[in-house]
Amino acid sequence: AWAEIEHDLIYKNGFGINNEKQILRYKKKMKKILTNYIQ
């Protein structure tokens, strides 16, 4: 479930974000969610 969300929102850019730094920031937040909650 987490991978599907990450793929659609980050790698398919479901946020519609064009700023690379902002995308990187969201990637870090997603990884933190996985580590702190999902795992």
PDB file of all heavy atoms in Angstrom:
ATOM      1  N   ALA A   1       0.835  -1.205   0.000  1.00  0.00           N
ATOM      2  CA  ALA A   1       0.000   0.000   0.000  1.00  0.00           C
ATOM      3  C   ALA A   1       0.869   1.254   0.000  1.00  0.00           C
ATOM      4  O   ALA A   1       0.614   2.206  -0.742  1.00  0.00           O
ATOM      5  CB  ALA A   1      -0.921  -0.008   1.218  1.00  0.00           C
ATOM      6  N   TRP A   2       1.920   1.240   0.815  1.00  0.00           N
ATOM      7  CA  TRP A   2       2.818   2.396   0.888  1.00  0.00           C
ATOM      8  C   TRP A   2       3.515   2.613  -0.458  1.00  0.00           C
ATOM      9  O   TRP A   2       3.626   3.748  -0.936  1.00  0.00           O
ATOM     10  CB  TRP A   2       3.851   2.178   1.988  1.00  0.00           C
ATOM     11  CG  TRP A   2       4.791   3.330   2.127  1.00  0.00           C
ATOM     12  CD1 TRP A   2       4.619   4.453   2.870  1.00  0.00           C
ATOM     13  CD2 TRP A   2       6.057   3.482   1.464  1.00  0.00           C
ATOM     14  NE1 TRP A   2       5.691   5.300   2.715  1.00  0.00           N
ATOM     15  CE2 TRP A   2       6.582   4.728   1.862  1.00  0.00           C
ATOM     16  CE3 TRP A   2       6.781   2.683   0.590  1.00  0.00           C
ATOM     17  CZ2 TRP A   2       7.807   5.183   1.407  1.00  0.00           C
ATOM     18  CZ3 TRP A   2       7.998   3.135   0.128  1.00  0.00           C
ATOM     19  CH2 TRP A   2       8.509   4.385   0.543  1.00  0.00           C
ATOM     20  N   ALA A   3       3.958   1.520  -1.094  1.00  0.00           N
ATOM     21  CA  ALA A   3       4.663   1.636  -2.372  1.00  0.00           C
ATOM     22  C   ALA A   3       3.745   2.199  -3.456  1.00  0.00           C
ATOM     23  O   ALA A   3       4.179   2.995  -4.299  1.00  0.00           O
ATOM     24  CB  ALA A   3       5.203   0.271  -2.802  1.00  0.00           C
ATOM     25  N   GLU A   4       2.475   1.785  -3.437  1.00  0.00           N
ATOM     26  CA  GLU A   4       1.522   2.289  -4.427  1.00  0.00           C
ATOM     27  C   GLU A   4       1.298   3.795  -4.249  1.00  0.00           C
ATOM     28  O   GLU A   4       1.234   4.552  -5.222  1.00  0.00           O
ATOM     29  CB  GLU A   4       0.188   1.548  -4.292  1.00  0.00           C
ATOM     30  CG  GLU A   4       0.232   0.102  -4.750  1.00  0.00           C
ATOM     31  CD  GLU A   4       0.403  -0.029  -6.245  1.00  0.00           C
ATOM     32  OE1 GLU A   4      -0.432   0.488  -6.996  1.00  0.00           O
ATOM     33  OE2 GLU A   4       1.418  -0.631  -6.675  1.00  0.00           O
ATOM     34  N   ILE A   5       1.170   4.208  -2.998  1.00  0.00           N
ATOM     35  CA  ILE A   5       0.980   5.635  -2.714  1.00  0.00           C
ATOM     36  C   ILE A   5       2.213   6.433  -3.139  1.00  0.00           C
ATOM     37  O   ILE A   5       2.119   7.466  -3.798  1.00  0.00           O
ATOM     38  CB  ILE A   5       0.698   5.857  -1.212  1.00  0.00           C
ATOM     39  CG1 ILE A   5      -0.670   5.263  -0.846  1.00  0.00           C
ATOM     40  CG2 ILE A   5       0.725   7.350  -0.861  1.00  0.00           C
ATOM     41  CD1 ILE A   5      -0.931   5.187   0.635  1.00  0.00           C
ATOM     42  N   GLU A   6       3.389   5.922  -2.774  1.00  0.00           N
ATOM     43  CA  GLU A   6       4.639   6.611  -3.130  1.00  0.00           C
ATOM     44  C   GLU A   6       4.780   6.718  -4.654  1.00  0.00           C
ATOM     45  O   GLU A   6       5.147   7.759  -5.194  1.00  0.00           O
ATOM     46  CB  GLU A   6       5.841   5.864  -2.548  1.00  0.00           C
ATOM     47  CG  GLU A   6       7.151   6.591  -2.818  1.00  0.00           C
ATOM     48  CD  GLU A   6       8.365   5.693  -2.677  1.00  0.00           C
ATOM     49  OE1 GLU A   6       8.299   4.516  -3.096  1.00  0.00           O
ATOM     50  OE2 GLU A   6       9.382   6.178  -2.180  1.00  0.00           O
ATOM     51  N   HIS A   7       4.468   5.634  -5.342  1.00  0.00           N
ATOM     52  CA  HIS A   7       4.608   5.614  -6.801  1.00  0.00           C
ATOM     53  C   HIS A   7       3.687   6.634  -7.464  1.00  0.00           C
ATOM     54  O   HIS A   7       4.100   7.391  -8.349  1.00  0.00           O
ATOM     55  CB  HIS A   7       4.302   4.206  -7.324  1.00  0.00           C
ATOM     56  CG  HIS A   7       4.465   4.076  -8.812  1.00  0.00           C
ATOM     57  ND1 HIS A   7       3.403   4.171  -9.678  1.00  0.00           N
ATOM     58  CD2 HIS A   7       5.568   3.888  -9.586  1.00  0.00           C
ATOM     59  CE1 HIS A   7       3.839   4.035 -10.915  1.00  0.00           C
ATOM     60  NE2 HIS A   7       5.141   3.860 -10.889  1.00  0.00           N
ATOM     61  N   ASP A   8       2.433   6.663  -7.026  1.00  0.00           N
ATOM     62  CA  ASP A   8       1.466   7.575  -7.650  1.00  0.00           C
ATOM     63  C   ASP A   8       1.724   9.035  -7.304  1.00  0.00           C
ATOM     64  O   ASP A   8       1.602   9.908  -8.164  1.00  0.00           O
ATOM     65  CB  ASP A   8       0.041   7.196  -7.231  1.00  0.00           C
ATOM     66  CG  ASP A   8      -0.440   5.925  -7.920  1.00  0.00           C
ATOM     67  OD1 ASP A   8       0.215   5.492  -8.884  1.00  0.00           O
ATOM     68  OD2 ASP A   8      -1.462   5.371  -7.488  1.00  0.00           O
ATOM     69  N   LEU A   9       2.087   9.286  -6.040  1.00  0.00           N
ATOM     70  CA  LEU A   9       2.248  10.674  -5.617  1.00  0.00           C
ATOM     71  C   LEU A   9       3.615  11.254  -5.952  1.00  0.00           C
ATOM     72  O   LEU A   9       3.734  12.420  -6.319  1.00  0.00           O
ATOM     73  CB  LEU A   9       2.001  10.797  -4.114  1.00  0.00           C
ATOM     74  CG  LEU A   9       0.572  10.514  -3.635  1.00  0.00           C
ATOM     75  CD1 LEU A   9       0.459  10.772  -2.143  1.00  0.00           C
ATOM     76  CD2 LEU A   9      -0.439  11.368  -4.389  1.00  0.00           C
ATOM     77  N   ILE A  10       4.655  10.423  -5.822  1.00  0.00           N
ATOM     78  CA  ILE A  10       6.020  10.928  -6.021  1.00  0.00           C
ATOM     79  C   ILE A  10       6.514  10.657  -7.443  1.00  0.00           C
ATOM     80  O   ILE A  10       6.851  11.576  -8.189  1.00  0.00           O
ATOM     81  CB  ILE A  10       6.992  10.312  -4.995  1.00  0.00           C
ATOM     82  CG1 ILE A  10       6.527  10.618  -3.562  1.00  0.00           C
ATOM     83  CG2 ILE A  10       8.406  10.831  -5.230  1.00  0.00           C
ATOM     84  CD1 ILE A  10       6.497  12.090  -3.196  1.00  0.00           C
ATOM     85  N   TYR A  11       6.563   9.380  -7.840  1.00  0.00           N
ATOM     86  CA  TYR A  11       7.182   9.053  -9.114  1.00  0.00           C
ATOM     87  C   TYR A  11       6.298   9.411 -10.301  1.00  0.00           C
ATOM     88  O   TYR A  11       6.790   9.733 -11.380  1.00  0.00           O
ATOM     89  CB  TYR A  11       7.589   7.571  -9.143  1.00  0.00           C
ATOM     90  CG  TYR A  11       8.714   7.304  -8.168  1.00  0.00           C
ATOM     91  CD1 TYR A  11       8.464   6.768  -6.914  1.00  0.00           C
ATOM     92  CD2 TYR A  11      10.025   7.648  -8.485  1.00  0.00           C
ATOM     93  CE1 TYR A  11       9.488   6.557  -5.998  1.00  0.00           C
ATOM     94  CE2 TYR A  11      11.063   7.444  -7.583  1.00  0.00           C
ATOM     95  CZ  TYR A  11      10.788   6.899  -6.339  1.00  0.00           C
ATOM     96  OH  TYR A  11      11.803   6.709  -5.446  1.00  0.00           O
ATOM     97  N   LYS A  12       4.987   9.358 -10.128  1.00  0.00           N
ATOM     98  CA  LYS A  12       4.089   9.833 -11.181  1.00  0.00           C
ATOM     99  C   LYS A  12       3.730  11.305 -10.969  1.00  0.00           C
ATOM    100  O   LYS A  12       2.949  11.872 -11.719  1.00  0.00           O
ATOM    101  CB  LYS A  12       2.815   8.981 -11.218  1.00  0.00           C
ATOM    102  CG  LYS A  12       3.023   7.625 -11.877  1.00  0.00           C
ATOM    103  CD  LYS A  12       1.687   6.974 -12.147  1.00  0.00           C
ATOM    104  CE  LYS A  12       1.868   5.716 -12.960  1.00  0.00           C
ATOM    105  NZ  LYS A  12       0.564   5.060 -13.263  1.00  0.00           N
ATOM    106  N   ASN A  13       4.277  11.882  -9.903  1.00  0.00           N
ATOM    107  CA  ASN A  13       4.087  13.302  -9.586  1.00  0.00           C
ATOM    108  C   ASN A  13       2.606  13.665  -9.492  1.00  0.00           C
ATOM    109  O   ASN A  13       2.136  14.599 -10.136  1.00  0.00           O
ATOM    110  CB  ASN A  13       4.791  14.189 -10.615  1.00  0.00           C
ATOM    111  CG  ASN A  13       4.993  15.603 -10.095  1.00  0.00           C
ATOM    112  OD1 ASN A  13       4.743  15.894  -8.918  1.00  0.00           O
ATOM    113  ND2 ASN A  13       5.451  16.494 -10.956  1.00  0.00           N
ATOM    114  N   GLY A  14       1.883  12.866  -8.669  1.00  0.00           N
ATOM    115  CA  GLY A  14       0.467  13.130  -8.463  1.00  0.00           C
ATOM    116  C   GLY A  14       0.197  14.468  -7.805  1.00  0.00           C
ATOM    117  O   GLY A  14      -0.925  14.967  -7.840  1.00  0.00           O
ATOM    118  N   PHE A  15       1.223  15.066  -7.188  1.00  0.00           N
ATOM    119  CA  PHE A  15       1.069  16.388  -6.579  1.00  0.00           C
ATOM    120  C   PHE A  15       1.074  17.493  -7.630  1.00  0.00           C
ATOM    121  O   PHE A  15       0.662  18.620  -7.363  1.00  0.00           O
ATOM    122  CB  PHE A  15       2.211  16.665  -5.590  1.00  0.00           C
ATOM    123  CG  PHE A  15       2.174  15.814  -4.347  1.00  0.00           C
ATOM    124  CD1 PHE A  15       3.206  14.925  -4.075  1.00  0.00           C
ATOM    125  CD2 PHE A  15       1.127  15.902  -3.456  1.00  0.00           C
ATOM    126  CE1 PHE A  15       3.186  14.149  -2.922  1.00  0.00           C
ATOM    127  CE2 PHE A  15       1.101  15.132  -2.308  1.00  0.00           C
ATOM    128  CZ  PHE A  15       2.127  14.257  -2.042  1.00  0.00           C
ATOM    129  N   GLY A  16       1.594  17.171  -8.822  1.00  0.00           N
ATOM    130  CA  GLY A  16       1.709  18.195  -9.862  1.00  0.00           C
ATOM    131  C   GLY A  16       2.770  19.220  -9.536  1.00  0.00           C
ATOM    132  O   GLY A  16       2.678  20.393  -9.903  1.00  0.00           O
ATOM    133  N   ILE A  17       3.840  18.772  -8.857  1.00  0.00           N
ATOM    134  CA  ILE A  17       4.906  19.683  -8.421  1.00  0.00           C
ATOM    135  C   ILE A  17       6.024  19.721  -9.472  1.00  0.00           C
ATOM    136  O   ILE A  17       6.456  18.694  -9.966  1.00  0.00           O
ATOM    137  CB  ILE A  17       5.482  19.228  -7.066  1.00  0.00           C
ATOM    138  CG1 ILE A  17       4.382  19.227  -6.012  1.00  0.00           C
ATOM    139  CG2 ILE A  17       6.629  20.124  -6.630  1.00  0.00           C
ATOM    140  CD1 ILE A  17       4.786  18.534  -4.730  1.00  0.00           C
ATOM    141  N   ASN A  18       6.494  20.910  -9.791  1.00  0.00           N
ATOM    142  CA  ASN A  18       7.580  21.058 -10.754  1.00  0.00           C
ATOM    143  C   ASN A  18       8.928  21.358 -10.086  1.00  0.00           C
ATOM    144  O   ASN A  18       9.973  21.248 -10.703  1.00  0.00           O
ATOM    145  CB  ASN A  18       7.258  22.187 -11.748  1.00  0.00           C
ATOM    146  CG  ASN A  18       6.021  21.866 -12.566  1.00  0.00           C
ATOM    147  OD1 ASN A  18       5.855  20.739 -13.009  1.00  0.00           O
ATOM    148  ND2 ASN A  18       5.163  22.858 -12.764  1.00  0.00           N
ATOM    149  N   ASN A  19       8.879  21.706  -8.814  1.00  0.00           N
ATOM    150  CA  ASN A  19      10.097  22.070  -8.091  1.00  0.00           C
ATOM    151  C   ASN A  19      10.812  20.816  -7.584  1.00  0.00           C
ATOM    152  O   ASN A  19      10.280  20.055  -6.769  1.00  0.00           O
ATOM    153  CB  ASN A  19       9.706  22.974  -6.903  1.00  0.00           C
ATOM    154  CG  ASN A  19      10.930  23.546  -6.200  1.00  0.00           C
ATOM    155  OD1 ASN A  19      11.811  22.810  -5.790  1.00  0.00           O
ATOM    156  ND2 ASN A  19      10.954  24.865  -6.058  1.00  0.00           N
ATOM    157  N   GLU A  20      12.038  20.561  -8.087  1.00  0.00           N
ATOM    158  CA  GLU A  20      12.793  19.355  -7.735  1.00  0.00           C
ATOM    159  C   GLU A  20      13.096  19.278  -6.239  1.00  0.00           C
ATOM    160  O   GLU A  20      13.050  18.205  -5.636  1.00  0.00           O
ATOM    161  CB  GLU A  20      14.105  19.291  -8.536  1.00  0.00           C
ATOM    162  CG  GLU A  20      13.919  18.962  -9.999  1.00  0.00           C
ATOM    163  CD  GLU A  20      13.364  17.567 -10.220  1.00  0.00           C
ATOM    164  OE1 GLU A  20      13.690  16.662  -9.430  1.00  0.00           O
ATOM    165  OE2 GLU A  20      12.586  17.390 -11.170  1.00  0.00           O
ATOM    166  N   LYS A  21      13.409  20.407  -5.633  1.00  0.00           N
ATOM    167  CA  LYS A  21      13.713  20.418  -4.196  1.00  0.00           C
ATOM    168  C   LYS A  21      12.485  20.027  -3.378  1.00  0.00           C
ATOM    169  O   LYS A  21      12.586  19.321  -2.374  1.00  0.00           O
ATOM    170  CB  LYS A  21      14.214  21.798  -3.769  1.00  0.00           C
ATOM    171  CG  LYS A  21      15.610  22.125  -4.267  1.00  0.00           C
ATOM    172  CD  LYS A  21      16.088  23.467  -3.726  1.00  0.00           C
ATOM    173  CE  LYS A  21      17.505  23.765  -4.196  1.00  0.00           C
ATOM    174  NZ  LYS A  21      17.991  25.091  -3.705  1.00  0.00           N
ATOM    175  N   GLN A  22      11.345  20.477  -3.835  1.00  0.00           N
ATOM    176  CA  GLN A  22      10.107  20.156  -3.136  1.00  0.00           C
ATOM    177  C   GLN A  22       9.781  18.661  -3.266  1.00  0.00           C
ATOM    178  O   GLN A  22       9.357  18.019  -2.303  1.00  0.00           O
ATOM    179  CB  GLN A  22       8.957  20.987  -3.726  1.00  0.00           C
ATOM    180  CG  GLN A  22       7.863  21.277  -2.712  1.00  0.00           C
ATOM    181  CD  GLN A  22       6.859  22.275  -3.247  1.00  0.00           C
ATOM    182  OE1 GLN A  22       6.937  22.689  -4.401  1.00  0.00           O
ATOM    183  NE2 GLN A  22       5.916  22.672  -2.415  1.00  0.00           N
ATOM    184  N   ILE A  23      10.006  18.110  -4.456  1.00  0.00           N
ATOM    185  CA  ILE A  23       9.787  16.674  -4.670  1.00  0.00           C
ATOM    186  C   ILE A  23      10.710  15.868  -3.767  1.00  0.00           C
ATOM    187  O   ILE A  23      10.296  14.887  -3.143  1.00  0.00           O
ATOM    188  CB  ILE A  23      10.029  16.306  -6.156  1.00  0.00           C
ATOM    189  CG1 ILE A  23       8.920  16.907  -7.023  1.00  0.00           C
ATOM    190  CG2 ILE A  23      10.070  14.792  -6.340  1.00  0.00           C
ATOM    191  CD1 ILE A  23       9.161  16.751  -8.514  1.00  0.00           C
ATOM    192  N   LEU A  24      11.982  16.274  -3.676  1.00  0.00           N
ATOM    193  CA  LEU A  24      12.946  15.591  -2.817  1.00  0.00           C
ATOM    194  C   LEU A  24      12.507  15.647  -1.359  1.00  0.00           C
ATOM    195  O   LEU A  24      12.643  14.673  -0.619  1.00  0.00           O
ATOM    196  CB  LEU A  24      14.332  16.225  -2.984  1.00  0.00           C
ATOM    197  CG  LEU A  24      15.479  15.568  -2.194  1.00  0.00           C
ATOM    198  CD1 LEU A  24      15.661  14.118  -2.624  1.00  0.00           C
ATOM    199  CD2 LEU A  24      16.772  16.346  -2.387  1.00  0.00           C
ATOM    200  N   ARG A  25      11.968  16.794  -0.962  1.00  0.00           N
ATOM    201  CA  ARG A  25      11.500  16.955   0.414  1.00  0.00           C
ATOM    202  C   ARG A  25      10.347  15.993   0.717  1.00  0.00           C
ATOM    203  O   ARG A  25      10.302  15.372   1.771  1.00  0.00           O
ATOM    204  CB  ARG A  25      11.077  18.405   0.642  1.00  0.00           C
ATOM    205  CG  ARG A  25      10.739  18.715   2.107  1.00  0.00           C
ATOM    206  CD  ARG A  25      10.804  20.207   2.409  1.00  0.00           C
ATOM    207  NE  ARG A  25       9.816  20.955   1.644  1.00  0.00           N
ATOM    208  CZ  ARG A  25      10.116  21.834   0.684  1.00  0.00           C
ATOM    209  NH1 ARG A  25      11.387  22.048   0.365  1.00  0.00           N
ATOM    210  NH2 ARG A  25       9.175  22.484   0.039  1.00  0.00           N
ATOM    211  N   TYR A  26       9.442  15.846  -0.239  1.00  0.00           N
ATOM    212  CA  TYR A  26       8.328  14.917  -0.057  1.00  0.00           C
ATOM    213  C   TYR A  26       8.804  13.473  -0.027  1.00  0.00           C
ATOM    214  O   TYR A  26       8.261  12.637   0.701  1.00  0.00           O
ATOM    215  CB  TYR A  26       7.278  15.115  -1.152  1.00  0.00           C
ATOM    216  CG  TYR A  26       6.344  16.258  -0.880  1.00  0.00           C
ATOM    217  CD1 TYR A  26       6.307  17.362  -1.720  1.00  0.00           C
ATOM    218  CD2 TYR A  26       5.492  16.238   0.226  1.00  0.00           C
ATOM    219  CE1 TYR A  26       5.451  18.428  -1.469  1.00  0.00           C
ATOM    220  CE2 TYR A  26       4.633  17.304   0.475  1.00  0.00           C
ATOM    221  CZ  TYR A  26       4.613  18.391  -0.364  1.00  0.00           C
ATOM    222  OH  TYR A  26       3.773  19.434  -0.109  1.00  0.00           O
ATOM    223  N   LYS A  27       9.820  13.161  -0.834  1.00  0.00           N
ATOM    224  CA  LYS A  27      10.387  11.805  -0.821  1.00  0.00           C
ATOM    225  C   LYS A  27      10.943  11.472   0.562  1.00  0.00           C
ATOM    226  O   LYS A  27      10.760  10.368   1.079  1.00  0.00           O
ATOM    227  CB  LYS A  27      11.497  11.674  -1.876  1.00  0.00           C
ATOM    228  CG  LYS A  27      10.988  11.508  -3.290  1.00  0.00           C
ATOM    229  CD  LYS A  27      12.162  11.283  -4.242  1.00  0.00           C
ATOM    230  CE  LYS A  27      11.669  11.108  -5.669  1.00  0.00           C
ATOM    231  NZ  LYS A  27      12.782  10.874  -6.611  1.00  0.00           N
ATOM    232  N   LYS A  28      11.645  12.439   1.151  1.00  0.00           N
ATOM    233  CA  LYS A  28      12.215  12.233   2.488  1.00  0.00           C
ATOM    234  C   LYS A  28      11.108  12.037   3.528  1.00  0.00           C
ATOM    235  O   LYS A  28      11.216  11.213   4.434  1.00  0.00           O
ATOM    236  CB  LYS A  28      13.110  13.410   2.870  1.00  0.00           C
ATOM    237  CG  LYS A  28      14.426  13.444   2.107  1.00  0.00           C
ATOM    238  CD  LYS A  28      15.281  14.642   2.537  1.00  0.00           C
ATOM    239  CE  LYS A  28      16.599  14.653   1.792  1.00  0.00           C
ATOM    240  NZ  LYS A  28      17.435  15.834   2.168  1.00  0.00           N
ATOM    241  N   LYS A  29      10.027  12.808   3.376  1.00  0.00           N
ATOM    242  CA  LYS A  29       8.901  12.672   4.308  1.00  0.00           C
ATOM    243  C   LYS A  29       8.240  11.301   4.173  1.00  0.00           C
ATOM    244  O   LYS A  29       7.874  10.673   5.161  1.00  0.00           O
ATOM    245  CB  LYS A  29       7.870  13.780   4.048  1.00  0.00           C
ATOM    246  CG  LYS A  29       8.294  15.137   4.576  1.00  0.00           C
ATOM    247  CD  LYS A  29       7.176  16.174   4.424  1.00  0.00           C
ATOM    248  CE  LYS A  29       7.583  17.516   5.026  1.00  0.00           C
ATOM    249  NZ  LYS A  29       6.513  18.522   4.917  1.00  0.00           N
ATOM    250  N   MET A  30       8.109  10.832   2.919  1.00  0.00           N
ATOM    251  CA  MET A  30       7.517   9.517   2.680  1.00  0.00           C
ATOM    252  C   MET A  30       8.368   8.408   3.299  1.00  0.00           C
ATOM    253  O   MET A  30       7.859   7.468   3.898  1.00  0.00           O
ATOM    254  CB  MET A  30       7.359   9.282   1.179  1.00  0.00           C
ATOM    255  CG  MET A  30       6.331  10.161   0.505  1.00  0.00           C
ATOM    256  SD  MET A  30       4.634   9.754   0.946  1.00  0.00           S
ATOM    257  CE  MET A  30       4.398   8.231   0.061  1.00  0.00           C
ATOM    258  N   LYS A  31       9.693   8.538   3.151  1.00  0.00           N
ATOM    259  CA  LYS A  31      10.595   7.542   3.732  1.00  0.00           C
ATOM    260  C   LYS A  31      10.486   7.549   5.251  1.00  0.00           C
ATOM    261  O   LYS A  31      10.507   6.496   5.902  1.00  0.00           O
ATOM    262  CB  LYS A  31      12.043   7.826   3.304  1.00  0.00           C
ATOM    263  CG  LYS A  31      13.014   6.758   3.795  1.00  0.00           C
ATOM    264  CD  LYS A  31      14.417   7.006   3.255  1.00  0.00           C
ATOM    265  CE  LYS A  31      15.364   5.913   3.754  1.00  0.00           C
ATOM    266  NZ  LYS A  31      16.732   6.133   3.241  1.00  0.00           N
ATOM    267  N   LYS A  32      10.349   8.729   5.830  1.00  0.00           N
ATOM    268  CA  LYS A  32      10.208   8.853   7.279  1.00  0.00           C
ATOM    269  C   LYS A  32       8.915   8.190   7.758  1.00  0.00           C
ATOM    270  O   LYS A  32       8.889   7.515   8.791  1.00  0.00           O
ATOM    271  CB  LYS A  32      10.222  10.326   7.680  1.00  0.00           C
ATOM    272  CG  LYS A  32      10.302  10.563   9.184  1.00  0.00           C
ATOM    273  CD  LYS A  32      10.436  12.049   9.484  1.00  0.00           C
ATOM    274  CE  LYS A  32      10.525  12.284  10.995  1.00  0.00           C
ATOM    275  NZ  LYS A  32      10.649  13.731  11.304  1.00  0.00           N
ATOM    276  N   ILE A  33       7.842   8.364   6.990  1.00  0.00           N
ATOM    277  CA  ILE A  33       6.566   7.728   7.333  1.00  0.00           C
ATOM    278  C   ILE A  33       6.716   6.209   7.318  1.00  0.00           C
ATOM    279  O   ILE A  33       6.245   5.511   8.214  1.00  0.00           O
ATOM    280  CB  ILE A  33       5.467   8.170   6.347  1.00  0.00           C
ATOM    281  CG1 ILE A  33       5.106   9.633   6.580  1.00  0.00           C
ATOM    282  CG2 ILE A  33       4.216   7.300   6.488  1.00  0.00           C
ATOM    283  CD1 ILE A  33       4.226  10.231   5.487  1.00  0.00           C
ATOM    284  N   LEU A  34       7.403   5.700   6.294  1.00  0.00           N
ATOM    285  CA  LEU A  34       7.610   4.253   6.200  1.00  0.00           C
ATOM    286  C   LEU A  34       8.392   3.736   7.398  1.00  0.00           C
ATOM    287  O   LEU A  34       8.013   2.751   8.030  1.00  0.00           O
ATOM    288  CB  LEU A  34       8.355   3.904   4.907  1.00  0.00           C
ATOM    289  CG  LEU A  34       8.686   2.419   4.755  1.00  0.00           C
ATOM    290  CD1 LEU A  34       7.427   1.601   4.509  1.00  0.00           C
ATOM    291  CD2 LEU A  34       9.672   2.187   3.630  1.00  0.00           C
ATOM    292  N   THR A  35       9.486   4.413   7.720  1.00  0.00           N
ATOM    293  CA  THR A  35      10.357   3.966   8.810  1.00  0.00           C
ATOM    294  C   THR A  35       9.671   4.068  10.164  1.00  0.00           C
ATOM    295  O   THR A  35       9.721   3.134  10.980  1.00  0.00           O
ATOM    296  CB  THR A  35      11.651   4.808   8.828  1.00  0.00           C
ATOM    297  OG1 THR A  35      12.285   4.711   7.552  1.00  0.00           O
ATOM    298  CG2 THR A  35      12.599   4.310   9.901  1.00  0.00           C
ATOM    299  N   ASN A  36       9.016   5.182  10.417  1.00  0.00           N
ATOM    300  CA  ASN A  36       8.455   5.441  11.752  1.00  0.00           C
ATOM    301  C   ASN A  36       7.110   4.773  12.003  1.00  0.00           C
ATOM    302  O   ASN A  36       6.757   4.509  13.157  1.00  0.00           O
ATOM    303  CB  ASN A  36       8.307   6.947  11.979  1.00  0.00           C
ATOM    304  CG  ASN A  36       9.649   7.642  12.090  1.00  0.00           C
ATOM    305  OD1 ASN A  36      10.673   7.000  12.278  1.00  0.00           O
ATOM    306  ND2 ASN A  36       9.657   8.946  11.955  1.00  0.00           N
ATOM    307  N   TYR A  37       6.371   4.502  10.930  1.00  0.00           N
ATOM    308  CA  TYR A  37       5.016   3.993  11.125  1.00  0.00           C
ATOM    309  C   TYR A  37       4.753   2.650  10.444  1.00  0.00           C
ATOM    310  O   TYR A  37       4.348   1.686  11.101  1.00  0.00           O
ATOM    311  CB  TYR A  37       3.990   5.024  10.632  1.00  0.00           C
ATOM    312  CG  TYR A  37       4.102   6.347  11.333  1.00  0.00           C
ATOM    313  CD1 TYR A  37       4.706   7.444  10.716  1.00  0.00           C
ATOM    314  CD2 TYR A  37       3.631   6.517  12.637  1.00  0.00           C
ATOM    315  CE1 TYR A  37       4.827   8.664  11.357  1.00  0.00           C
ATOM    316  CE2 TYR A  37       3.753   7.732  13.292  1.00  0.00           C
ATOM    317  CZ  TYR A  37       4.342   8.804  12.649  1.00  0.00           C
ATOM    318  OH  TYR A  37       4.480  10.007  13.290  1.00  0.00           O
ATOM    319  N   ILE A  38       5.005   2.570   9.136  1.00  0.00           N
ATOM    320  CA  ILE A  38       4.646   1.362   8.399  1.00  0.00           C
ATOM    321  C   ILE A  38       5.460   0.162   8.859  1.00  0.00           C
ATOM    322  O   ILE A  38       4.907  -0.903   9.146  1.00  0.00           O
ATOM    323  CB  ILE A  38       4.821   1.570   6.881  1.00  0.00           C
ATOM    324  CG1 ILE A  38       4.015   2.779   6.390  1.00  0.00           C
ATOM    325  CG2 ILE A  38       4.435   0.312   6.121  1.00  0.00           C
ATOM    326  CD1 ILE A  38       2.527   2.647   6.570  1.00  0.00           C
ATOM    327  N   GLN A  39       6.784   0.316   8.922  1.00  0.00           N
ATOM    328  CA  GLN A  39       7.632  -0.804   9.333  1.00  0.00           C
ATOM    329  C   GLN A  39       7.345  -1.221  10.771  1.00  0.00           C
ATOM    330  O   GLN A  39       7.298  -2.415  11.080  1.00  0.00           O
ATOM    331  CB  GLN A  39       9.109  -0.440   9.155  1.00  0.00           C
ATOM    332  CG  GLN A  39       9.520  -0.367   7.692  1.00  0.00           C
ATOM    333  CD  GLN A  39      10.976   0.001   7.511  1.00  0.00           C
ATOM    334  OE1 GLN A  39      11.589   0.638   8.366  1.00  0.00           O
ATOM    335  NE2 GLN A  39      11.536  -0.380   6.392  1.00  0.00           N
TER     336      GLN A  39
END
